[in-house]
Amino acid sequence: MARNDKIRMPSSGAGITQYFDDYKSKIEFQPVHIVIFAIVVILIEILLWIGF
């Protein structure tokens, strides 16, 4: 007879994940703000690299 040596894991809801959009953060950034912030950080890094 064949033995069944497989390990059985508990069911996890058949892979269904629920996401709720009820949470609103008090801090909100627009994509333009993030791009400007990244450019400013890059410029500061360049200025520090050349020894300003």
PDB file of N, CA and C in Angstrom:
ATOM      1  N   MET A   1       0.821  -1.180   0.000  1.00  0.00           N
ATOM      2  CA  MET A   1       0.000   0.000   0.000  1.00  0.00           C
ATOM      3  C   MET A   1       0.873   1.255   0.000  1.00  0.00           C
ATOM      4  N   ALA A   2       0.401   2.265  -0.645  1.00  0.00           N
ATOM      5  CA  ALA A   2       1.124   3.528  -0.703  1.00  0.00           C
ATOM      6  C   ALA A   2       0.741   4.401   0.491  1.00  0.00           C
ATOM      7  N   ARG A   3       1.765   5.025   1.062  1.00  0.00           N
ATOM      8  CA  ARG A   3       1.500   5.922   2.188  1.00  0.00           C
ATOM      9  C   ARG A   3       1.341   7.345   1.668  1.00  0.00           C
ATOM     10  N   ASN A   4       0.511   8.085   2.318  1.00  0.00           N
ATOM     11  CA  ASN A   4       0.279   9.478   1.946  1.00  0.00           C
ATOM     12  C   ASN A   4       1.082  10.358   2.909  1.00  0.00           C
ATOM     13  N   ASP A   5       2.319  10.742   2.503  1.00  0.00           N
ATOM     14  CA  ASP A   5       3.206  11.528   3.361  1.00  0.00           C
ATOM     15  C   ASP A   5       3.147  13.018   3.045  1.00  0.00           C
ATOM     16  N   LYS A   6       2.134  13.467   2.372  1.00  0.00           N
ATOM     17  CA  LYS A   6       2.022  14.881   2.021  1.00  0.00           C
ATOM     18  C   LYS A   6       1.628  15.698   3.247  1.00  0.00           C
ATOM     19  N   ILE A   7       2.183  16.903   3.320  1.00  0.00           N
ATOM     20  CA  ILE A   7       1.833  17.819   4.398  1.00  0.00           C
ATOM     21  C   ILE A   7       0.656  18.652   3.923  1.00  0.00           C
ATOM     22  N   ARG A   8      -0.357  18.721   4.739  1.00  0.00           N
ATOM     23  CA  ARG A   8      -1.552  19.482   4.370  1.00  0.00           C
ATOM     24  C   ARG A   8      -1.560  20.797   5.121  1.00  0.00           C
ATOM     25  N   MET A   9      -1.701  21.892   4.375  1.00  0.00           N
ATOM     26  CA  MET A   9      -1.748  23.223   4.957  1.00  0.00           C
ATOM     27  C   MET A   9      -3.214  23.639   5.122  1.00  0.00           C
ATOM     28  N   PRO A  10      -3.484  24.493   6.106  1.00  0.00           N
ATOM     29  CA  PRO A  10      -4.871  24.936   6.291  1.00  0.00           C
ATOM     30  C   PRO A  10      -5.331  25.819   5.131  1.00  0.00           C
ATOM     31  N   SER A  11      -6.602  25.816   4.893  1.00  0.00           N
ATOM     32  CA  SER A  11      -7.180  26.628   3.825  1.00  0.00           C
ATOM     33  C   SER A  11      -7.066  28.106   4.170  1.00  0.00           C
ATOM     34  N   SER A  12      -6.811  28.922   3.149  1.00  0.00           N
ATOM     35  CA  SER A  12      -6.641  30.363   3.401  1.00  0.00           C
ATOM     36  C   SER A  12      -7.677  31.171   2.644  1.00  0.00           C
ATOM     37  N   GLY A  13      -8.865  30.717   2.549  1.00  0.00           N
ATOM     38  CA  GLY A  13      -9.922  31.484   1.894  1.00  0.00           C
ATOM     39  C   GLY A  13      -9.853  31.412   0.384  1.00  0.00           C
ATOM     40  N   ALA A  14      -9.247  30.399  -0.152  1.00  0.00           N
ATOM     41  CA  ALA A  14      -9.171  30.156  -1.594  1.00  0.00           C
ATOM     42  C   ALA A  14      -8.478  31.299  -2.339  1.00  0.00           C
ATOM     43  N   GLY A  15      -7.539  31.981  -1.676  1.00  0.00           N
ATOM     44  CA  GLY A  15      -6.778  33.033  -2.333  1.00  0.00           C
ATOM     45  C   GLY A  15      -7.520  34.337  -2.506  1.00  0.00           C
ATOM     46  N   ILE A  16      -8.660  34.473  -1.867  1.00  0.00           N
ATOM     47  CA  ILE A  16      -9.445  35.705  -1.997  1.00  0.00           C
ATOM     48  C   ILE A  16      -8.956  36.704  -0.947  1.00  0.00           C
ATOM     49  N   THR A  17      -8.528  37.862  -1.403  1.00  0.00           N
ATOM     50  CA  THR A  17      -8.059  38.910  -0.514  1.00  0.00           C
ATOM     51  C   THR A  17      -8.980  40.109  -0.639  1.00  0.00           C
ATOM     52  N   GLN A  18      -9.354  40.656   0.490  1.00  0.00           N
ATOM     53  CA  GLN A  18     -10.250  41.805   0.471  1.00  0.00           C
ATOM     54  C   GLN A  18      -9.472  43.057   0.860  1.00  0.00           C
ATOM     55  N   TYR A  19      -9.667  44.115   0.104  1.00  0.00           N
ATOM     56  CA  TYR A  19      -9.059  45.403   0.392  1.00  0.00           C
ATOM     57  C   TYR A  19     -10.173  46.422   0.601  1.00  0.00           C
ATOM     58  N   PHE A  20     -10.044  47.213   1.644  1.00  0.00           N
ATOM     59  CA  PHE A  20     -11.055  48.198   1.948  1.00  0.00           C
ATOM     60  C   PHE A  20     -10.467  49.591   1.777  1.00  0.00           C
ATOM     61  N   ASP A  21     -11.171  50.469   1.091  1.00  0.00           N
ATOM     62  CA  ASP A  21     -10.721  51.830   0.846  1.00  0.00           C
ATOM     63  C   ASP A  21     -11.367  52.819   1.812  1.00  0.00           C
ATOM     64  N   ASP A  22     -11.757  52.364   2.973  1.00  0.00           N
ATOM     65  CA  ASP A  22     -12.416  53.235   3.935  1.00  0.00           C
ATOM     66  C   ASP A  22     -11.432  54.143   4.654  1.00  0.00           C
ATOM     67  N   TYR A  23     -10.156  53.768   4.683  1.00  0.00           N
ATOM     68  CA  TYR A  23      -9.155  54.537   5.419  1.00  0.00           C
ATOM     69  C   TYR A  23      -8.727  55.751   4.609  1.00  0.00           C
ATOM     70  N   LYS A  24      -8.767  56.919   5.223  1.00  0.00           N
ATOM     71  CA  LYS A  24      -8.309  58.163   4.603  1.00  0.00           C
ATOM     72  C   LYS A  24      -7.154  58.702   5.437  1.00  0.00           C
ATOM     73  N   SER A  25      -6.032  58.928   4.810  1.00  0.00           N
ATOM     74  CA  SER A  25      -4.881  59.483   5.498  1.00  0.00           C
ATOM     75  C   SER A  25      -5.042  60.988   5.670  1.00  0.00           C
ATOM     76  N   LYS A  26      -4.485  61.507   6.751  1.00  0.00           N
ATOM     77  CA  LYS A  26      -4.539  62.948   6.975  1.00  0.00           C
ATOM     78  C   LYS A  26      -3.516  63.670   6.107  1.00  0.00           C
ATOM     79  N   ILE A  27      -2.495  62.950   5.667  1.00  0.00           N
ATOM     80  CA  ILE A  27      -1.459  63.529   4.814  1.00  0.00           C
ATOM     81  C   ILE A  27      -1.649  62.963   3.410  1.00  0.00           C
ATOM     82  N   GLU A  28      -1.871  63.827   2.456  1.00  0.00           N
ATOM     83  CA  GLU A  28      -2.054  63.390   1.074  1.00  0.00           C
ATOM     84  C   GLU A  28      -1.110  64.161   0.174  1.00  0.00           C
ATOM     85  N   PHE A  29      -0.426  63.447  -0.703  1.00  0.00           N
ATOM     86  CA  PHE A  29       0.502  64.042  -1.652  1.00  0.00           C
ATOM     87  C   PHE A  29      -0.004  63.796  -3.059  1.00  0.00           C
ATOM     88  N   GLN A  30       0.164  64.794  -3.895  1.00  0.00           N
ATOM     89  CA  GLN A  30      -0.124  64.610  -5.317  1.00  0.00           C
ATOM     90  C   GLN A  30       1.151  64.110  -5.987  1.00  0.00           C
ATOM     91  N   PRO A  31       1.033  63.410  -7.104  1.00  0.00           N
ATOM     92  CA  PRO A  31       2.224  62.906  -7.793  1.00  0.00           C
ATOM     93  C   PRO A  31       3.214  64.010  -8.177  1.00  0.00           C
ATOM     94  N   VAL A  32       2.706  65.193  -8.480  1.00  0.00           N
ATOM     95  CA  VAL A  32       3.589  66.309  -8.839  1.00  0.00           C
ATOM     96  C   VAL A  32       4.494  66.669  -7.665  1.00  0.00           C
ATOM     97  N   HIS A  33       3.969  66.635  -6.456  1.00  0.00           N
ATOM     98  CA  HIS A  33       4.769  66.952  -5.279  1.00  0.00           C
ATOM     99  C   HIS A  33       5.890  65.939  -5.084  1.00  0.00           C
ATOM    100  N   ILE A  34       5.621  64.688  -5.332  1.00  0.00           N
ATOM    101  CA  ILE A  34       6.631  63.644  -5.175  1.00  0.00           C
ATOM    102  C   ILE A  34       7.738  63.825  -6.204  1.00  0.00           C
ATOM    103  N   VAL A  35       7.380  64.143  -7.447  1.00  0.00           N
ATOM    104  CA  VAL A  35       8.379  64.346  -8.504  1.00  0.00           C
ATOM    105  C   VAL A  35       9.249  65.555  -8.171  1.00  0.00           C
ATOM    106  N   ILE A  36       8.645  66.649  -7.735  1.00  0.00           N
ATOM    107  CA  ILE A  36       9.409  67.846  -7.373  1.00  0.00           C
ATOM    108  C   ILE A  36      10.338  67.544  -6.196  1.00  0.00           C
ATOM    109  N   PHE A  37       9.855  66.834  -5.206  1.00  0.00           N
ATOM    110  CA  PHE A  37      10.684  66.470  -4.062  1.00  0.00           C
ATOM    111  C   PHE A  37      11.869  65.617  -4.494  1.00  0.00           C
ATOM    112  N   ALA A  38      11.637  64.667  -5.393  1.00  0.00           N
ATOM    113  CA  ALA A  38      12.726  63.816  -5.883  1.00  0.00           C
ATOM    114  C   ALA A  38      13.764  64.645  -6.635  1.00  0.00           C
ATOM    115  N   ILE A  39      13.326  65.593  -7.450  1.00  0.00           N
ATOM    116  CA  ILE A  39      14.255  66.445  -8.196  1.00  0.00           C
ATOM    117  C   ILE A  39      15.073  67.307  -7.235  1.00  0.00           C
ATOM    118  N   VAL A  40      14.438  67.844  -6.208  1.00  0.00           N
ATOM    119  CA  VAL A  40      15.150  68.661  -5.220  1.00  0.00           C
ATOM    120  C   VAL A  40      16.203  67.823  -4.501  1.00  0.00           C
ATOM    121  N   VAL A  41      15.864  66.607  -4.117  1.00  0.00           N
ATOM    122  CA  VAL A  41      16.821  65.736  -3.436  1.00  0.00           C
ATOM    123  C   VAL A  41      17.994  65.414  -4.364  1.00  0.00           C
ATOM    124  N   ILE A  42      17.728  65.143  -5.630  1.00  0.00           N
ATOM    125  CA  ILE A  42      18.793  64.857  -6.590  1.00  0.00           C
ATOM    126  C   ILE A  42      19.707  66.066  -6.753  1.00  0.00           C
ATOM    127  N   LEU A  43      19.130  67.266  -6.842  1.00  0.00           N
ATOM    128  CA  LEU A  43      19.937  68.479  -6.972  1.00  0.00           C
ATOM    129  C   LEU A  43      20.801  68.708  -5.734  1.00  0.00           C
ATOM    130  N   ILE A  44      20.264  68.473  -4.560  1.00  0.00           N
ATOM    131  CA  ILE A  44      21.046  68.606  -3.327  1.00  0.00           C
ATOM    132  C   ILE A  44      22.201  67.612  -3.319  1.00  0.00           C
ATOM    133  N   GLU A  45      21.935  66.367  -3.741  1.00  0.00           N
ATOM    134  CA  GLU A  45      22.986  65.362  -3.807  1.00  0.00           C
ATOM    135  C   GLU A  45      24.087  65.773  -4.783  1.00  0.00           C
ATOM    136  N   ILE A  46      23.719  66.319  -5.926  1.00  0.00           N
ATOM    137  CA  ILE A  46      24.705  66.763  -6.907  1.00  0.00           C
ATOM    138  C   ILE A  46      25.544  67.910  -6.334  1.00  0.00           C
ATOM    139  N   LEU A  47      24.893  68.869  -5.676  1.00  0.00           N
ATOM    140  CA  LEU A  47      25.613  69.978  -5.081  1.00  0.00           C
ATOM    141  C   LEU A  47      26.575  69.499  -3.984  1.00  0.00           C
ATOM    142  N   LEU A  48      26.162  68.546  -3.194  1.00  0.00           N
ATOM    143  CA  LEU A  48      27.045  68.011  -2.165  1.00  0.00           C
ATOM    144  C   LEU A  48      28.201  67.220  -2.779  1.00  0.00           C
ATOM    145  N   TRP A  49      27.937  66.543  -3.886  1.00  0.00           N
ATOM    146  CA  TRP A  49      28.977  65.729  -4.535  1.00  0.00           C
ATOM    147  C   TRP A  49      30.074  66.608  -5.137  1.00  0.00           C
ATOM    148  N   ILE A  50      29.692  67.762  -5.711  1.00  0.00           N
ATOM    149  CA  ILE A  50      30.718  68.615  -6.322  1.00  0.00           C
ATOM    150  C   ILE A  50      31.367  69.531  -5.294  1.00  0.00           C
ATOM    151  N   GLY A  51      30.917  69.510  -4.054  1.00  0.00           N
ATOM    152  CA  GLY A  51      31.570  70.249  -2.982  1.00  0.00           C
ATOM    153  C   GLY A  51      31.098  71.662  -2.818  1.00  0.00           C
ATOM    154  N   PHE A  52      29.873  71.936  -3.074  1.00  0.00           N
ATOM    155  CA  PHE A  52      29.329  73.274  -2.933  1.00  0.00           C
ATOM    156  C   PHE A  52      29.201  73.657  -1.481  1.00  0.00           C
TER     157      PHE A  52
END
